[in-house]
Protein backbone atom coordinates (compact mmCIF):
# COMPACT_ATOMS: atom_id res chain seq x y z
CA MET A 1 -18.79 -9.28 8.22
CA LYS A 2 -16.09 -11.24 10.08
CA VAL A 3 -18.17 -11.29 13.26
CA ALA A 4 -21.21 -12.65 11.38
CA VAL A 5 -19.17 -15.50 9.80
CA GLN A 6 -17.63 -16.31 13.18
CA GLN A 7 -21.07 -16.51 14.84
CA GLU A 8 -22.37 -18.83 12.06
CA ASP A 9 -19.31 -21.10 12.55
CA LEU A 10 -19.71 -21.25 16.32
CA GLN A 11 -23.39 -21.95 15.93
CA LEU A 12 -22.76 -24.79 13.55
CA LEU A 13 -20.08 -26.36 15.85
CA ALA A 14 -22.36 -26.07 18.90
CA LYS A 15 -25.22 -27.78 17.09
CA THR A 16 -22.87 -30.57 15.88
CA LEU A 17 -21.61 -31.20 19.35
CA GLN A 18 -25.13 -31.19 20.84
CA GLU A 19 -26.49 -33.69 18.43
CA GLN A 20 -23.47 -36.03 18.86
CA LEU A 21 -23.95 -35.89 22.67
CA LEU A 22 -27.63 -36.87 22.30
CA VAL A 23 -26.53 -39.87 20.31
CA GLU A 24 -23.80 -40.98 22.58
CA VAL A 25 -25.31 -40.17 26.03
CA SER A 26 -28.70 -41.85 26.47
CA THR A 27 -29.33 -40.72 30.09
CA ALA A 28 -30.50 -37.24 29.06
CA GLU A 29 -33.05 -36.06 26.46
CA VAL A 30 -31.83 -32.46 26.37
CA PHE A 31 -28.29 -31.04 25.98
CA GLU A 32 -27.48 -27.42 25.35
CA VAL A 33 -24.05 -26.48 23.87
CA LYS A 34 -22.57 -22.97 23.54
CA CYS A 35 -19.33 -21.94 21.86
CA VAL A 36 -17.28 -18.79 21.96
CA VAL A 37 -13.82 -17.72 20.82
CA ASN A 38 -11.90 -15.60 23.35
CA LYS A 39 -8.42 -14.30 22.58
CA GLY A 40 -7.83 -16.97 19.92
CA GLU A 41 -9.00 -19.76 22.24
CA LEU A 42 -12.09 -21.93 21.61
CA MET A 43 -14.36 -22.36 24.65
CA ILE A 44 -17.19 -24.92 24.77
CA LEU A 45 -19.96 -25.01 27.44
CA THR A 46 -22.32 -28.07 27.79
CA GLN A 47 -25.41 -27.79 29.96
CA HIS A 48 -27.99 -30.40 31.14
CA ALA A 49 -31.00 -30.62 33.43
CA SER A 50 -30.40 -30.74 37.23
CA ASP A 51 -32.18 -34.12 37.63
CA VAL A 52 -29.76 -35.79 35.15
CA ILE A 53 -26.60 -37.45 36.36
CA VAL A 54 -23.96 -37.60 33.63
CA ASP A 55 -20.37 -38.94 33.48
CA ALA A 56 -18.14 -35.89 32.88
CA GLN A 57 -15.38 -38.03 31.33
CA VAL A 58 -17.87 -39.41 28.83
CA ILE A 59 -19.11 -35.96 27.96
CA PHE A 60 -15.63 -34.59 27.45
CA ALA A 61 -14.57 -37.78 25.56
CA VAL A 62 -17.41 -37.23 23.02
CA ILE A 63 -16.36 -33.58 22.55
CA GLU A 64 -12.74 -34.67 22.17
CA GLU A 65 -13.72 -37.29 19.53
CA VAL A 66 -15.63 -34.67 17.52
CA LEU A 67 -12.84 -32.14 17.68
CA GLN A 68 -10.25 -34.79 16.74
CA SER A 69 -12.17 -35.40 13.58
CA LEU A 70 -12.06 -31.69 12.76
CA ALA A 71 -8.55 -30.75 14.01
CA PRO A 72 -5.95 -29.64 11.45
CA HIS A 73 -2.25 -30.17 12.06
CA LYS A 74 -1.65 -26.97 13.96
CA GLU A 75 -1.49 -26.01 17.65
CA GLN A 76 -4.78 -24.78 19.16
CA ARG A 77 -6.11 -24.60 22.72
CA VAL A 78 -9.69 -25.50 23.71
CA GLN A 79 -11.47 -25.19 27.07
CA CYS A 80 -14.52 -27.35 27.83
CA PHE A 81 -17.00 -26.66 30.67
CA LEU A 82 -19.97 -28.67 32.11
CA ARG A 83 -22.87 -26.82 33.82
CA VAL A 84 -26.36 -27.52 35.18
CA LEU A 85 -29.08 -25.58 33.45
CA GLY A 86 -29.98 -22.47 35.54
CA GLU A 87 -26.68 -22.38 37.44
CA GLN A 88 -24.23 -19.53 36.94
CA LEU A 89 -21.02 -21.47 37.23
CA PRO A 90 -19.86 -24.77 35.65
CA TYR A 91 -19.08 -27.61 38.08
CA THR A 92 -16.24 -29.10 36.03
CA LYS A 93 -14.04 -28.29 33.15
CA CYS A 94 -11.21 -29.68 31.03
CA PHE A 95 -8.50 -28.27 28.72
CA LEU A 96 -7.46 -29.66 25.33
CA ALA A 97 -4.47 -28.63 23.36
CA LEU A 98 -4.07 -29.60 19.68
CA LYS A 99 -0.39 -30.11 18.89
CA GLN A 100 1.32 -30.13 15.49
CA THR A 101 1.06 -33.89 15.35
CA GLY A 102 -2.73 -33.51 14.93
CA GLU A 103 -3.44 -35.02 18.43
CA TRP A 104 -5.36 -33.38 21.19
CA LEU A 105 -3.24 -33.29 24.35
CA ALA A 106 -4.18 -32.13 27.79
CA ASP A 107 -2.52 -29.11 29.47
CA GLY A 108 0.31 -30.36 31.72
CA ASP A 109 0.36 -33.77 29.84
CA GLU A 110 3.35 -35.13 31.74
CA GLU A 111 1.58 -34.55 35.10
CA ALA A 112 -1.64 -35.92 33.72
CA GLN A 113 0.04 -39.27 32.86
CA LYS A 114 1.10 -39.63 36.56
CA ASP A 115 -2.47 -39.16 37.91
CA GLU A 116 -4.40 -42.33 36.98
CA GLU A 117 -7.42 -41.29 39.06
CA VAL A 118 -8.07 -38.10 37.05
CA ILE A 119 -7.14 -39.18 33.56
CA SER A 120 -8.00 -42.55 32.06
CA PRO A 121 -5.17 -44.21 30.10
CA SER A 122 -7.17 -44.06 26.80
CA SER A 123 -8.02 -40.43 27.05
CA SER A 124 -6.04 -37.26 26.59
CA LEU A 125 -8.46 -35.10 28.62
CA THR A 126 -7.57 -33.18 31.79
CA TYR A 127 -10.49 -31.96 33.75
CA SER A 128 -11.20 -30.34 37.16
CA PRO A 129 -14.00 -32.13 39.06
CA SER A 130 -15.14 -29.03 40.95
CA ILE A 131 -14.58 -25.49 39.80
CA ASN A 132 -16.19 -24.08 42.91
CA GLU A 133 -13.58 -25.79 45.08
CA SER A 134 -10.60 -25.03 42.86
CA GLU A 135 -11.26 -21.39 42.14
CA GLU A 136 -10.94 -18.48 44.57
CA GLU A 137 -14.14 -16.68 45.62
CA GLY A 138 -13.24 -13.40 43.89
CA GLU A 139 -12.73 -15.24 40.55
CA GLU A 140 -16.05 -17.15 40.81
CA GLU A 141 -18.10 -14.01 40.78
CA LEU A 142 -16.39 -12.67 37.71
CA PHE A 143 -16.38 -15.96 35.75
CA ASP A 144 -18.97 -16.36 33.01
CA PRO A 145 -17.45 -16.19 29.50
CA PHE A 146 -20.85 -17.40 28.03
CA ALA A 147 -23.08 -14.75 29.66
CA ASP A 148 -23.90 -12.99 26.43
CA VAL A 149 -23.66 -15.95 24.11
CA PRO A 150 -26.99 -16.86 22.40
CA ASN A 151 -28.39 -20.39 22.82
CA PHE A 152 -27.31 -22.38 19.76
CA SER A 153 -29.07 -25.60 20.87
CA ALA A 154 -32.30 -25.04 18.79
CA SER A 155 -34.83 -22.52 17.71
CA LYS A 156 -36.26 -22.35 21.25
CA PRO A 157 -35.36 -23.62 24.69
CA GLY A 158 -36.08 -27.25 25.46
CA PHE A 159 -35.78 -28.39 21.85
CA LYS A 160 -35.27 -32.17 21.85
CA VAL A 161 -33.66 -34.26 19.15
CA LYS A 162 -34.35 -37.94 19.44
CA PRO A 163 -31.21 -40.07 19.06
CA ILE A 164 -33.10 -42.43 16.67
CA LEU A 165 -33.26 -39.71 14.02
CA LEU A 166 -29.55 -39.03 14.11
CA GLY A 167 -27.77 -41.61 12.04
CA ALA A 168 -24.04 -41.96 12.01
CA ALA A 169 -23.90 -40.77 8.46
CA LEU A 170 -25.74 -37.49 9.25
CA VAL A 171 -23.48 -36.82 12.19
CA GLY A 172 -20.42 -37.42 10.09
CA ILE A 173 -21.64 -34.99 7.43
CA ILE A 174 -22.32 -32.26 10.01
CA VAL A 175 -18.90 -32.72 11.65
CA LEU A 176 -16.92 -32.73 8.46
CA GLY A 177 -18.97 -30.10 6.65
CA GLY A 178 -19.77 -27.70 9.55
CA GLY A 179 -17.27 -27.92 12.38
CA ALA A 180 -14.32 -28.31 10.09
CA TYR A 181 -15.34 -25.07 8.39
CA LEU A 182 -15.01 -23.28 11.74
CA LEU A 183 -11.59 -24.73 12.61
CA THR A 184 -10.12 -24.52 9.11
CA ARG A 185 -10.97 -20.90 8.26
CA PRO A 186 -7.92 -19.14 6.82
CA CYS A 187 -5.06 -19.05 9.34
CA VAL A 188 -7.30 -20.06 12.31
CA MET A 189 -5.87 -23.57 12.84
CA SER A 190 -4.58 -24.47 9.40
CA GLU A 191 -1.23 -23.53 7.80
CA CYS A 192 -0.99 -19.84 6.94
CA GLN A 193 0.84 -19.21 3.72
CA GLU A 194 -0.03 -15.54 3.89
CA ILE A 195 1.87 -15.15 7.11
CA GLN A 196 4.84 -17.05 5.70
CA ASN A 197 4.91 -14.92 2.59
CA ALA A 198 4.69 -11.75 4.53
CA LYS A 199 7.49 -12.76 6.84
CA GLN A 200 9.74 -13.69 3.91
CA LEU A 201 9.04 -10.45 2.17
CA LYS A 202 9.62 -8.46 5.39
CA THR A 203 13.05 -10.10 5.59
CA LYS A 204 13.78 -9.82 1.88
CA SER A 205 12.37 -6.36 1.07
CA PRO A 206 15.19 -4.32 2.67
CA GLN A 207 17.70 -5.97 0.35
CA LEU A 208 15.38 -5.42 -2.68
CA MET A 209 15.06 -1.82 -1.79
CA ARG A 210 18.85 -1.37 -1.42
CA ARG A 211 19.42 -3.06 -4.85
CA ALA A 212 16.84 -0.90 -6.72
CA LYS A 213 18.52 1.43 -9.11
CA SER A 214 15.49 3.07 -10.79
CA GLU A 215 11.91 4.11 -10.36
CA LYS A 216 10.75 0.98 -12.22
CA GLU A 217 12.56 -1.34 -9.82
CA LEU A 218 11.18 0.53 -6.80
CA VAL A 219 7.61 0.25 -8.14
CA ALA A 220 8.07 -3.45 -8.50
CA VAL A 221 9.15 -3.83 -4.87
CA GLN A 222 6.25 -1.62 -3.84
CA GLN A 223 3.74 -3.79 -5.69
CA GLN A 224 5.11 -6.89 -3.91
CA LEU A 225 4.66 -5.25 -0.50
CA ALA A 226 1.14 -4.10 -1.30
CA ALA A 227 0.16 -7.53 -2.55
CA ALA A 228 1.52 -9.25 0.59
CA SER A 229 -0.25 -6.71 2.76
CA THR A 230 -3.54 -7.28 0.93
CA ASP A 231 -3.21 -11.10 1.29
CA LEU A 232 -3.17 -10.63 5.04
CA ASN A 233 -6.75 -9.24 4.96
CA VAL A 234 -8.06 -12.83 4.63
CA ILE A 235 -7.03 -13.61 8.22
CA PRO A 236 -10.12 -13.33 10.43
CA SER A 237 -9.99 -11.37 13.68
CA TRP A 238 -10.58 -14.53 15.74
CA SER A 239 -7.50 -16.20 14.31
CA PRO A 240 -4.57 -16.62 16.81
CA ARG A 241 -2.45 -15.22 14.01
CA TYR A 242 -4.51 -12.03 13.62
CA GLN A 243 -2.34 -9.87 15.82
CA LEU A 244 0.81 -11.08 14.00
CA SER A 245 -0.88 -10.41 10.66
CA GLN A 246 -1.64 -6.86 11.76
CA GLU A 247 1.94 -6.28 12.77
CA LEU A 248 3.23 -7.60 9.55
CA LYS A 249 0.72 -5.57 7.57
CA ALA A 250 1.82 -2.37 9.37
CA SER A 251 5.51 -3.18 8.71
CA LEU A 252 4.96 -3.89 4.98
CA SER A 253 2.69 -0.86 4.56
CA GLY A 254 5.24 1.36 6.21
CA ARG A 255 7.98 0.27 3.81
CA ALA A 256 5.58 0.64 0.86
CA GLU A 257 4.78 4.23 1.95
CA LYS A 258 8.56 5.07 2.14
CA ILE A 259 9.01 3.71 -1.41
CA ASN A 260 5.86 5.64 -2.56
CA GLN A 261 7.48 8.85 -1.17
CA VAL A 262 10.57 8.27 -3.18
CA VAL A 263 8.67 7.19 -6.35
CA LYS A 264 6.60 10.44 -6.25
CA ALA A 265 9.74 12.50 -5.98
CA LEU A 266 11.33 10.67 -8.93
CA GLN A 267 8.19 11.20 -10.99
CA THR A 268 8.14 14.92 -10.19
CA ALA A 269 11.78 15.13 -11.18
CA SER A 270 10.86 13.40 -14.48
CA VAL A 271 8.27 16.07 -15.18
CA ALA A 272 10.74 18.87 -14.42
CA THR A 273 13.37 17.24 -16.67
CA GLN A 274 10.95 17.17 -19.55
CA LYS A 275 10.13 20.88 -19.14
CA VAL A 276 13.77 21.95 -19.26
CA GLN A 277 14.09 20.45 -22.65
CA THR A 278 12.57 23.61 -24.08
CA PRO A 279 13.59 27.16 -23.25
CA ALA A 280 11.32 29.06 -20.74
CA SER A 281 9.23 31.80 -22.22
CA SER A 282 8.36 33.62 -18.98
CA LEU A 283 9.38 34.19 -15.36
CA GLU A 284 6.32 32.30 -14.25
CA GLU A 285 7.46 29.25 -16.25
CA LEU A 286 10.88 29.34 -14.57
CA GLN A 287 9.18 29.61 -11.25
CA THR A 288 7.12 26.57 -12.03
CA ARG A 289 10.27 24.54 -12.79
CA GLN A 290 11.80 25.82 -9.61
CA HIS A 291 8.75 24.59 -7.65
CA LEU A 292 8.91 21.15 -9.30
CA TRP A 293 12.55 20.63 -8.35
CA ARG A 294 11.86 21.66 -4.81
CA GLN A 295 8.97 19.14 -4.65
CA ALA A 296 11.36 16.44 -5.91
CA ILE A 297 14.15 17.34 -3.55
CA ALA A 298 12.21 17.83 -0.27
CA PRO A 299 10.94 14.19 0.11
CA LEU A 300 14.38 12.78 -0.78
CA GLU A 301 16.07 14.98 1.78
CA SER A 302 13.99 13.38 4.55
CA ILE A 303 15.41 9.91 3.82
CA SER A 304 17.92 9.11 6.61
CA SER A 305 21.29 7.52 6.09
CA SER A 306 20.03 4.38 7.83
CA SER A 307 17.31 3.85 5.26
CA GLU A 308 17.59 1.18 2.58
CA LEU A 309 16.76 3.78 -0.04
CA TYR A 310 19.53 6.12 1.01
CA GLY A 311 22.03 5.02 -1.71
CA LEU A 312 19.55 5.58 -4.51
CA VAL A 313 18.35 8.87 -3.11
CA GLN A 314 21.77 10.41 -2.64
CA GLY A 315 22.67 9.87 -6.25
CA LYS A 316 19.52 11.58 -7.41
CA LEU A 317 19.73 14.46 -4.92
CA LEU A 318 23.03 15.74 -6.21
CA ASN A 319 21.61 15.87 -9.73
CA TYR A 320 18.40 17.56 -8.67
CA ARG A 321 20.11 20.19 -6.54
CA VAL A 322 22.34 21.12 -9.43
CA ARG A 323 19.29 21.54 -11.68
CA LEU A 324 17.51 23.57 -9.07
CA HIS A 325 20.52 25.91 -8.70
CA ALA A 326 20.60 26.44 -12.41
CA VAL A 327 16.88 27.44 -12.42
CA ASN A 328 17.45 29.76 -9.49
CA GLN A 329 20.25 31.44 -11.31
CA GLN A 330 18.04 31.97 -14.38
CA ILE A 331 15.32 33.58 -12.31
CA PHE A 332 17.84 35.81 -10.68
CA ILE A 333 19.31 36.99 -13.94
CA GLU A 334 15.88 37.52 -15.49
CA GLU A 335 14.66 39.84 -12.73
CA LYS A 336 14.78 43.41 -13.57
CA TRP A 337 16.73 45.49 -10.99
CA LEU A 338 14.99 48.66 -11.85
CA LYS A 339 11.58 47.12 -11.14
CA LYS A 340 13.00 45.91 -7.79
CA LEU A 341 13.95 49.43 -6.92
CA THR A 342 10.59 50.86 -7.87
CA ALA A 343 8.83 48.08 -5.90
CA ALA A 344 10.96 48.90 -2.89
CA LYS A 345 9.73 52.50 -2.90
CA VAL A 346 6.11 51.41 -3.09
CA VAL A 347 6.57 49.02 -0.21
CA ALA A 348 8.25 51.69 1.88
CA VAL A 349 5.15 53.88 1.61
CA ALA A 350 3.05 50.97 2.79
CA ALA A 351 5.38 50.37 5.73
CA GLU A 352 5.07 53.97 6.89
CA LYS A 353 1.26 53.77 6.76
CA ARG A 354 1.25 50.53 8.82
CA GLU A 355 3.55 52.08 11.38
CA THR A 356 1.35 55.08 11.82
CA ALA A 357 -1.87 53.01 12.18
CA ALA A 358 -0.44 50.24 14.34
CA LYS A 359 -2.69 49.38 17.32
CA SER A 360 -1.78 45.73 18.03
CA LEU A 361 1.11 43.33 17.97
CA THR A 362 0.03 42.08 14.61
CA ASP A 363 0.09 45.64 13.21
CA TRP A 364 3.62 46.24 14.52
CA GLN A 365 4.81 42.90 13.20
CA LYS A 366 3.39 43.68 9.77
CA ALA A 367 5.13 47.03 9.75
CA GLN A 368 8.40 45.46 10.78
CA SER A 369 8.04 42.80 8.07
CA THR A 370 7.23 45.40 5.47
CA TRP A 371 10.34 47.44 6.29
CA LEU A 372 12.42 44.25 6.20
CA VAL A 373 11.16 43.60 2.68
CA VAL A 374 12.18 47.08 1.68
CA ILE A 375 15.67 46.85 3.19
CA ASN A 376 16.32 43.35 1.87
CA ALA A 377 15.21 44.34 -1.60
CA LEU A 378 17.50 47.36 -1.72
CA ASN A 379 20.45 45.40 -0.35
CA THR A 380 20.26 42.91 -3.18
CA ILE A 381 20.70 45.52 -5.91
CA PRO A 382 24.32 44.94 -7.17
CA ARG A 383 26.91 47.64 -7.71
CA ASN A 384 26.75 47.27 -11.56
CA SER A 385 23.04 47.93 -11.68
CA LEU A 386 21.61 51.37 -12.66
CA GLY A 387 19.65 51.75 -9.38
CA TYR A 388 22.51 51.03 -6.99
CA GLN A 389 23.32 54.69 -5.96
CA GLU A 390 19.68 55.58 -5.29
CA ALA A 391 19.22 52.29 -3.39
CA GLN A 392 21.99 53.29 -1.05
CA LYS A 393 20.51 56.69 -0.33
CA LEU A 394 17.19 55.06 0.49
CA LEU A 395 18.85 52.62 2.83
CA VAL A 396 20.33 55.48 4.88
CA ASP A 397 16.75 56.81 5.44
CA TYR A 398 14.94 53.44 5.88
CA LYS A 399 17.24 51.49 8.22
CA PRO A 400 16.64 53.72 11.34
CA LYS A 401 12.86 53.34 10.86
CA LEU A 402 13.21 49.56 10.70
CA VAL A 403 15.15 49.62 14.06
CA LEU A 404 12.37 51.66 15.80
CA VAL A 405 9.54 49.43 14.50
CA ARG A 406 11.51 46.24 15.40
CA ASP A 407 11.97 47.44 19.00
CA ARG A 408 8.30 48.19 19.44
CA ALA A 409 7.23 44.95 17.94
CA THR A 410 9.60 43.08 20.26
CA LYS A 411 8.12 44.80 23.28
CA GLU A 412 4.54 44.00 22.21
CA GLN A 413 5.49 40.42 21.41
CA LEU A 414 6.82 39.96 24.91
CA ALA A 415 3.65 41.49 26.33
CA VAL A 416 1.46 39.20 24.29
CA LYS A 417 3.55 36.20 25.24
CA THR A 418 3.18 36.99 28.90
CA TYR A 419 -0.60 37.62 28.55
CA GLN A 420 -1.13 34.37 26.67
CA GLN A 421 0.98 32.49 29.21
CA ALA A 422 -1.23 33.77 32.01
CA LEU A 423 -4.34 32.61 30.03
CA SER A 424 -2.78 29.23 29.30
CA THR A 425 -1.86 28.74 32.95
CA ALA A 426 -5.34 29.59 34.04
CA LYS A 427 -6.75 27.15 31.53
CA GLN A 428 -4.55 24.40 33.01
CA ALA A 429 -5.74 25.40 36.47
CA LYS A 430 -9.35 25.02 35.37
CA ALA A 431 -8.53 21.55 33.97
CA TYR A 432 -7.10 20.52 37.31
CA GLU A 433 -10.24 21.77 39.02
CA GLN A 434 -12.36 19.55 36.77
CA GLN A 435 -10.21 16.62 37.75
CA ASN A 436 -10.55 17.58 41.46
CA GLN A 437 -6.76 18.01 41.65
CA TRP A 438 -7.05 21.05 43.92
CA GLN A 439 -3.35 21.23 44.98
CA ALA A 440 -2.23 21.49 41.37
CA ALA A 441 -5.10 23.88 40.64
CA ALA A 442 -4.08 26.23 43.46
CA ILE A 443 -0.44 26.20 42.23
CA TYR A 444 -1.45 27.07 38.63
CA TRP A 445 -3.86 29.75 39.73
CA GLU A 446 -1.06 31.40 41.73
CA GLN A 447 1.21 31.27 38.68
CA ALA A 448 -1.46 32.64 36.35
CA LEU A 449 -2.05 35.57 38.71
CA GLN A 450 1.65 36.37 39.05
CA THR A 451 2.23 36.11 35.25
CA ALA A 452 -0.63 38.51 34.53
CA LYS A 453 1.00 41.11 36.78
CA LYS A 454 4.21 40.94 34.63
CA VAL A 455 2.72 42.51 31.48
CA PRO A 456 4.51 45.87 30.89
CA GLN A 457 2.46 48.97 31.65
CA ASP A 458 3.39 50.70 28.28
CA SER A 459 2.17 47.74 26.19
CA LEU A 460 -1.14 47.35 24.40
CA TYR A 461 -2.06 44.33 26.56
CA TYR A 462 -1.56 45.91 29.96
CA THR A 463 -5.24 46.77 30.55
CA GLN A 464 -6.34 43.28 29.43
CA ALA A 465 -3.83 41.66 31.74
CA GLN A 466 -4.93 43.73 34.72
CA SER A 467 -8.57 42.69 34.17
CA LEU A 468 -7.45 39.08 34.98
CA SER A 469 -6.23 39.79 38.51
CA GLU A 470 -9.60 39.83 40.22
CA PRO A 471 -11.08 36.59 38.81
CA TYR A 472 -7.74 34.80 39.15
CA SER A 473 -7.48 35.80 42.80
CA ALA A 474 -10.95 34.53 43.44
CA ALA A 475 -10.23 31.25 41.72
CA LEU A 476 -7.07 30.81 43.76
CA LYS A 477 -8.93 31.26 46.98
CA GLN A 478 -11.56 28.74 46.00
CA ALA A 479 -8.96 26.17 45.01
CA GLN A 480 -7.14 26.65 48.36
CA GLU A 481 -10.46 26.05 50.20
CA LYS A 482 -11.15 22.95 48.14
CA LEU A 483 -7.66 21.68 48.85
CA GLN A 484 -8.34 21.84 52.59
CA VAL A 485 -11.56 19.79 52.19
CA VAL A 486 -9.79 17.16 50.05
CA SER A 487 -6.98 16.87 52.53
CA SER A 488 -9.48 16.26 55.30
CA LEU A 489 -11.21 13.53 53.25
CA GLN A 490 -7.90 11.96 52.48
CA GLN A 491 -7.07 11.82 56.10
CA THR A 492 -10.41 10.17 56.81
CA ARG A 493 -9.69 7.46 54.19
CA THR A 494 -6.30 6.86 55.74
CA ASP A 495 -7.91 6.44 59.18
CA LEU A 496 -10.52 4.07 57.81
CA ASP A 497 -7.86 2.02 56.06
CA LYS A 498 -5.90 1.62 59.28
CA THR A 499 -9.06 0.75 61.26
CA CYS A 500 -10.38 -1.86 58.83
CA ILE A 501 -7.16 -3.97 58.73
CA ASN A 502 -6.02 -5.65 61.87
CA GLY A 503 -4.21 -8.86 60.84
CA ILE A 504 -7.21 -9.65 58.60
CA ARG A 505 -9.52 -7.49 56.56
CA ILE A 506 -12.17 -6.50 59.17
CA CYS A 507 -14.29 -4.21 57.00
CA THR A 508 -14.56 -2.31 53.77
CA PHE A 509 -15.82 1.26 53.36
CA SER A 510 -17.11 3.83 50.95
CA MET A 511 -17.61 7.56 51.46
CA ASP A 512 -18.78 10.73 49.75
CA ASN A 513 -19.34 14.26 50.82
CA ALA A 514 -22.33 13.40 53.01
CA GLU A 515 -21.72 9.99 54.60
CA ILE A 516 -19.42 7.04 55.41
CA ILE A 517 -20.68 3.44 54.85
CA VAL A 518 -18.64 0.64 56.53
CA ARG A 519 -19.36 -3.10 55.98
CA LEU A 520 -17.89 -5.92 58.06
CA THR A 521 -16.21 -8.61 55.92
CA PRO A 522 -17.71 -12.19 55.78
CA GLU A 523 -14.40 -13.43 57.34
CA TYR A 524 -14.78 -11.18 60.36
CA ASP A 525 -18.47 -11.99 60.72
CA GLN A 526 -17.63 -15.70 60.61
CA ILE A 527 -15.17 -15.40 63.47
CA ARG A 528 -17.88 -13.54 65.47
CA GLN A 529 -20.48 -16.16 64.78
CA ASN A 530 -18.24 -19.04 65.57
CA ASN A 531 -17.38 -17.58 68.91
CA LEU A 532 -20.93 -16.69 69.73
CA ALA A 533 -22.06 -20.25 68.86
CA ASN A 534 -19.41 -21.87 71.12
CA PRO A 535 -18.89 -19.30 73.97
CA TYR A 536 -17.62 -22.02 76.39
CA SER A 537 -15.09 -23.62 74.03
CA LYS A 538 -11.43 -23.61 74.70
CA ASN A 539 -11.25 -20.43 72.65
CA SER A 540 -13.81 -18.57 74.84
CA ASP A 541 -11.28 -15.87 75.55
CA THR A 542 -11.33 -15.21 71.77
CA ALA A 543 -15.10 -14.62 71.94
CA VAL A 544 -14.65 -12.02 74.56
CA ASP A 545 -11.95 -10.40 72.55
CA VAL A 546 -14.07 -10.26 69.44
CA THR A 547 -16.97 -8.72 71.35
CA ASN A 548 -14.74 -6.11 72.85
CA HIS A 549 -13.10 -5.49 69.41
CA LEU A 550 -16.52 -4.81 67.83
CA GLN A 551 -17.26 -2.26 70.52
CA ILE A 552 -13.87 -0.63 70.06
CA LEU A 553 -14.38 -0.64 66.33
CA ARG A 554 -17.73 1.20 66.76
CA GLU A 555 -16.12 3.83 68.95
CA THR A 556 -13.24 4.31 66.58
CA LEU A 557 -15.56 4.70 63.53
CA ALA A 558 -17.62 7.16 65.52
CA VAL A 559 -14.54 9.31 66.15
CA ILE A 560 -13.56 9.10 62.51
CA GLY A 561 -17.09 10.21 61.38
CA GLU A 562 -17.09 13.00 63.94
CA ASN A 563 -13.70 14.28 62.74
CA ALA A 564 -14.80 14.22 59.18
CA ASN A 565 -18.15 15.82 60.13
CA LEU A 566 -19.90 13.01 58.14
CA SER A 567 -22.73 10.61 58.99
CA LEU A 568 -21.58 7.03 59.54
CA PHE A 569 -23.43 3.69 59.04
CA LEU A 570 -21.90 0.28 60.09
CA TYR A 571 -23.34 -2.88 58.47
CA ASP A 572 -22.52 -6.53 58.93
CA SER A 573 -21.67 -8.69 55.88
CA GLN A 574 -25.38 -9.53 55.42
CA GLY A 575 -26.37 -5.90 55.12
CA GLN A 576 -27.84 -5.54 58.62
CA VAL A 577 -27.30 -2.24 60.41
CA ILE A 578 -25.07 -2.57 63.46
CA TYR A 579 -24.40 1.04 64.29
CA THR A 580 -25.28 4.50 62.93
CA ARG A 581 -24.07 7.99 63.69
CA THR A 582 -25.77 10.96 62.06
CA LEU A 583 -24.65 14.62 62.10
CA GLY A 584 -25.73 16.15 65.39
CA GLY A 585 -26.66 12.75 66.86
């Protein structure tokens, strides 16, 4: 939705500028205007036919005048470009900067006032007469911010608007009703109250959080944070303040979430408090209260001492922990010791069955856990209980069994860990293979192979680990072979890098597993052509050197291609073949 609105605004501004140019500049019947917003900066491109000569200062002055009528009192940067229809690059440009005084000022205004030939005294425009001369070649090829911008000039190319049909009143309505809408969208160029409110609340909210003494006061702060965060949603993505709004929104939302965490804990504690007003009728009910107190305590315990909520939380935590302890005591007293003893016997039978049938690490761990349950249950039976003496006799019988099961489980766990480590290392080795990082792959395959050999023979995973040795050995060998190939290619690249630079960049190159393609640079070709065109000039010795250098270059490239066992093709900067070397030729 935001993108659609922005495109409508840009289309309206482009049409407004186009029609005003047709009124003010009578030397051309057709103008095309395109507008984009890039990183919070408005960019305007004006195009005209190649047979029309226009005054760039006049064009930019008209654009400036329209923008001045729309500009709010807030800083904004605008770039303007002038281009011939059909050309890729503009031939001149200017920069406008809207300051807080509401005036459009040029970039580098102090320097602009010193250069009377570039900037007229009555204008605040700064423009570059020739982009092709002022920009570097590499930047020219990349420059075209309007490549994908639709033509906003009319419903079809070549649409003409006769100046006689555009009265001053109509232009004024379009400017004030259309372009102003673009530049005065919320927090685009106008004042941004939402940002100010969010900043103030960001500064003020920590103090409000520290002062809160109850759930109600916390909820009030949370609502303020949520409202300020929601207000920031009106800021469009093309606004220069959009990034700041997102940062503020994240900060406010984070604080609101912290408050929400505490509020939920307080609400859970309120429910638990209501329940303890009446006596519990069952063990399950006591367990429910225990769970509620734990739910209330856990989030509060995660609040650090540096948090603004720490003071409130600590006061609540002490009370909640006391209440939880009371519930725990109730549960403990209500439990029947005789039932515990009976249950321990039943669990011991299950532990013996699991020990007998154990065939995996999981089985041994379950047997160990089951024996631990039995031992722990018997150890908790107090001296004053009726089952204490019997519990002690059972412990004498059960404890040795637990030791045996624990030792076996530990051995199997170590075997599993070693086996899984081998698998994990092999997986990482495969990942390095997919990334063509053969040196790392070879190292990891070696580690995986050695790890698999460490699985104990008397463990359940010994056979599985041994089955990994053959494929891991094969993978290690393949990785080592690939590493040799990559090392050779890297050496070839190093040789080509050294060959292609001799004071200047002589050539560029690309290569794959089949061939090497080398291209002479335009700079080097220009030196060759200049010396060939003037062989008897005072620099004739240079011509001989260049000719000899090209021959040496061919020979050097041939050696590199032969060493790499790859075909080699040498082209000049125009794409003409100078030298080829194929495998076996």
